[in-house]
């Protein structure tokens, strides 16, 4: 898992992205589309057209990191392009990377009594 410090934001680039891009191309998208600094230490997430591939870029202060995850089955849940820029928490990023609906995660079970 990506170590997300407190105060770090996770930005989702809404819509879909050309997944052939590496860090330089995605960083340029962060600057021009999201109007953010790709070297700020925040995480920026991009999803491909098919929905099964996600890329996350992060600059840790020493260098650029590019993380990629491809789902074997299913798709990453993603906001539409009409939603504009979306900021999520580190916990929601964890759900997103697991393929869980990060907008409203459900508890699977809760004990009714202690015994």
C-alpha atoms as a PDB file:
ATOM      1  CA  UNK A   1       0.000   0.000   0.000  1.00  0.00           C
ATOM      2  CA  UNK A   2       1.120   3.550  -0.655  1.00  0.00           C
ATOM      3  CA  UNK A   3       2.098   5.277   2.611  1.00  0.00           C
ATOM      4  CA  UNK A   4      -0.283   8.222   2.810  1.00  0.00           C
ATOM      5  CA  UNK A   5       0.715  10.784   5.456  1.00  0.00           C
ATOM      6  CA  UNK A   6      -1.866  12.936   7.203  1.00  0.00           C
ATOM      7  CA  UNK A   7      -2.725  16.030   5.220  1.00  0.00           C
ATOM      8  CA  UNK A   8      -2.076  14.339   1.878  1.00  0.00           C
ATOM      9  CA  UNK A   9      -4.996  14.517  -0.530  1.00  0.00           C
ATOM     10  CA  UNK A  10      -5.963  11.884  -3.068  1.00  0.00           C
ATOM     11  CA  UNK A  11      -7.221  13.411  -6.321  1.00  0.00           C
ATOM     12  CA  UNK A  12      -9.179  11.469  -8.938  1.00  0.00           C
ATOM     13  CA  UNK A  13      -8.930  12.603 -12.546  1.00  0.00           C
ATOM     14  CA  UNK A  14     -12.557  12.164 -13.613  1.00  0.00           C
ATOM     15  CA  UNK A  15     -13.454  10.550 -16.890  1.00  0.00           C
ATOM     16  CA  UNK A  16     -10.903   8.294 -18.556  1.00  0.00           C
ATOM     17  CA  UNK A  17      -7.210   8.685 -19.342  1.00  0.00           C
ATOM     18  CA  UNK A  18      -4.908   7.314 -22.050  1.00  0.00           C
ATOM     19  CA  UNK A  19      -3.094   4.593 -20.090  1.00  0.00           C
ATOM     20  CA  UNK A  20      -0.082   4.675 -22.420  1.00  0.00           C
ATOM     21  CA  UNK A  21       1.115   7.751 -20.514  1.00  0.00           C
ATOM     22  CA  UNK A  22       3.876   7.497 -17.940  1.00  0.00           C
ATOM     23  CA  UNK A  23       4.748   9.888 -15.122  1.00  0.00           C
ATOM     24  CA  UNK A  24       5.706  12.848 -17.382  1.00  0.00           C
ATOM     25  CA  UNK A  25       2.446  12.711 -19.373  1.00  0.00           C
ATOM     26  CA  UNK A  26       0.274  12.182 -16.310  1.00  0.00           C
ATOM     27  CA  UNK A  27       2.090  14.954 -14.418  1.00  0.00           C
ATOM     28  CA  UNK A  28       1.350  17.292 -17.319  1.00  0.00           C
ATOM     29  CA  UNK A  29      -2.336  16.327 -17.057  1.00  0.00           C
ATOM     30  CA  UNK A  30      -2.244  17.141 -13.338  1.00  0.00           C
ATOM     31  CA  UNK A  31      -0.857  20.600 -14.122  1.00  0.00           C
ATOM     32  CA  UNK A  32      -3.112  21.440 -17.060  1.00  0.00           C
ATOM     33  CA  UNK A  33      -6.372  19.642 -16.264  1.00  0.00           C
ATOM     34  CA  UNK A  34      -6.488  19.453 -12.473  1.00  0.00           C
ATOM     35  CA  UNK A  35      -4.563  22.734 -12.003  1.00  0.00           C
ATOM     36  CA  UNK A  36      -2.426  21.134  -9.263  1.00  0.00           C
ATOM     37  CA  UNK A  37       1.293  20.638  -8.649  1.00  0.00           C
ATOM     38  CA  UNK A  38       2.277  16.999  -9.371  1.00  0.00           C
ATOM     39  CA  UNK A  39       5.330  17.412  -7.107  1.00  0.00           C
ATOM     40  CA  UNK A  40       3.257  18.484  -4.072  1.00  0.00           C
ATOM     41  CA  UNK A  41       3.251  15.063  -2.401  1.00  0.00           C
ATOM     42  CA  UNK A  42      -0.448  14.486  -3.087  1.00  0.00           C
ATOM     43  CA  UNK A  43      -1.620  11.362  -4.931  1.00  0.00           C
ATOM     44  CA  UNK A  44      -3.241  11.651  -8.358  1.00  0.00           C
ATOM     45  CA  UNK A  45      -5.266   8.723  -9.716  1.00  0.00           C
ATOM     46  CA  UNK A  46      -6.198   7.980 -13.324  1.00  0.00           C
ATOM     47  CA  UNK A  47      -8.417   5.259 -14.835  1.00  0.00           C
ATOM     48  CA  UNK A  48      -8.408   3.873 -18.355  1.00  0.00           C
ATOM     49  CA  UNK A  49     -11.354   3.688 -20.740  1.00  0.00           C
ATOM     50  CA  UNK A  50     -12.112   0.010 -20.025  1.00  0.00           C
ATOM     51  CA  UNK A  51     -12.141   0.639 -16.267  1.00  0.00           C
ATOM     52  CA  UNK A  52      -9.945  -2.273 -15.206  1.00  0.00           C
ATOM     53  CA  UNK A  53      -6.639  -0.366 -15.023  1.00  0.00           C
ATOM     54  CA  UNK A  54      -5.677   2.421 -12.655  1.00  0.00           C
ATOM     55  CA  UNK A  55      -2.494   4.478 -12.351  1.00  0.00           C
ATOM     56  CA  UNK A  56      -1.473   6.552  -9.338  1.00  0.00           C
ATOM     57  CA  UNK A  57       1.346   9.094  -9.450  1.00  0.00           C
ATOM     58  CA  UNK A  58       3.034  10.451  -6.367  1.00  0.00           C
ATOM     59  CA  UNK A  59       6.159  12.497  -5.766  1.00  0.00           C
ATOM     60  CA  UNK A  60       7.682  11.538  -2.408  1.00  0.00           C
ATOM     61  CA  UNK A  61      10.128  14.445  -2.216  1.00  0.00           C
ATOM     62  CA  UNK A  62      13.018  12.422  -3.640  1.00  0.00           C
ATOM     63  CA  UNK A  63      11.544  11.191  -6.881  1.00  0.00           C
ATOM     64  CA  UNK A  64       8.494  10.331  -8.900  1.00  0.00           C
ATOM     65  CA  UNK A  65       6.499   7.159  -8.258  1.00  0.00           C
ATOM     66  CA  UNK A  66       4.052   5.546 -10.668  1.00  0.00           C
ATOM     67  CA  UNK A  67       1.836   2.768  -9.328  1.00  0.00           C
ATOM     68  CA  UNK A  68      -0.334   0.619 -11.572  1.00  0.00           C
ATOM     69  CA  UNK A  69      -3.070  -1.883 -10.716  1.00  0.00           C
ATOM     70  CA  UNK A  70      -5.025  -4.030 -13.151  1.00  0.00           C
ATOM     71  CA  UNK A  71      -8.094  -5.913 -11.975  1.00  0.00           C
ATOM     72  CA  UNK A  72      -8.440  -9.507 -13.131  1.00  0.00           C
ATOM     73  CA  UNK A  73     -12.228  -9.091 -13.209  1.00  0.00           C
ATOM     74  CA  UNK A  74     -14.519  -6.127 -12.815  1.00  0.00           C
ATOM     75  CA  UNK A  75     -13.932  -2.404 -13.016  1.00  0.00           C
ATOM     76  CA  UNK A  76     -12.814   0.364 -10.720  1.00  0.00           C
ATOM     77  CA  UNK A  77     -15.735   2.568  -9.671  1.00  0.00           C
ATOM     78  CA  UNK A  78     -15.056   6.037 -10.995  1.00  0.00           C
ATOM     79  CA  UNK A  79     -16.829   9.401 -11.081  1.00  0.00           C
ATOM     80  CA  UNK A  80     -18.008  10.655 -14.472  1.00  0.00           C
ATOM     81  CA  UNK A  81     -16.279  13.505 -16.277  1.00  0.00           C
ATOM     82  CA  UNK A  82     -19.225  15.766 -15.378  1.00  0.00           C
ATOM     83  CA  UNK A  83     -18.300  15.486 -11.673  1.00  0.00           C
ATOM     84  CA  UNK A  84     -15.189  17.631 -12.136  1.00  0.00           C
ATOM     85  CA  UNK A  85     -12.294  17.146  -9.736  1.00  0.00           C
ATOM     86  CA  UNK A  86     -12.916  14.663  -6.920  1.00  0.00           C
ATOM     87  CA  UNK A  87     -10.903  14.420  -3.694  1.00  0.00           C
ATOM     88  CA  UNK A  88     -11.102  11.223  -1.628  1.00  0.00           C
ATOM     89  CA  UNK A  89      -9.546  10.096   1.654  1.00  0.00           C
ATOM     90  CA  UNK A  90      -6.719   7.602   2.042  1.00  0.00           C
ATOM     91  CA  UNK A  91      -9.264   5.083   3.389  1.00  0.00           C
ATOM     92  CA  UNK A  92     -11.437   5.550   0.292  1.00  0.00           C
ATOM     93  CA  UNK A  93      -8.342   5.007  -1.867  1.00  0.00           C
ATOM     94  CA  UNK A  94      -7.829   1.689  -0.094  1.00  0.00           C
ATOM     95  CA  UNK A  95     -11.403   0.680  -0.934  1.00  0.00           C
ATOM     96  CA  UNK A  96     -10.971   1.852  -4.511  1.00  0.00           C
ATOM     97  CA  UNK A  97      -7.802  -0.210  -5.005  1.00  0.00           C
ATOM     98  CA  UNK A  98      -9.609  -3.291  -3.627  1.00  0.00           C
ATOM     99  CA  UNK A  99     -12.475  -2.851  -6.089  1.00  0.00           C
ATOM    100  CA  UNK A 100     -14.936  -1.893  -3.335  1.00  0.00           C
ATOM    101  CA  UNK A 101     -17.463   0.926  -3.806  1.00  0.00           C
ATOM    102  CA  UNK A 102     -15.525   3.728  -2.094  1.00  0.00           C
ATOM    103  CA  UNK A 103     -18.542   6.068  -2.155  1.00  0.00           C
ATOM    104  CA  UNK A 104     -20.534   3.984   0.338  1.00  0.00           C
ATOM    105  CA  UNK A 105     -18.675   0.955   1.742  1.00  0.00           C
ATOM    106  CA  UNK A 106     -20.805  -1.538   3.637  1.00  0.00           C
ATOM    107  CA  UNK A 107     -19.932  -3.397   6.799  1.00  0.00           C
ATOM    108  CA  UNK A 108     -20.409  -7.085   6.212  1.00  0.00           C
ATOM    109  CA  UNK A 109     -21.195  -8.094   9.784  1.00  0.00           C
ATOM    110  CA  UNK A 110     -21.403  -6.580  13.222  1.00  0.00           C
ATOM    111  CA  UNK A 111     -21.892  -8.583  16.440  1.00  0.00           C
ATOM    112  CA  UNK A 112     -25.152  -7.862  18.239  1.00  0.00           C
ATOM    113  CA  UNK A 113     -23.837  -8.836  21.659  1.00  0.00           C
ATOM    114  CA  UNK A 114     -20.558  -9.762  23.317  1.00  0.00           C
ATOM    115  CA  UNK A 115     -21.063 -13.387  24.009  1.00  0.00           C
END
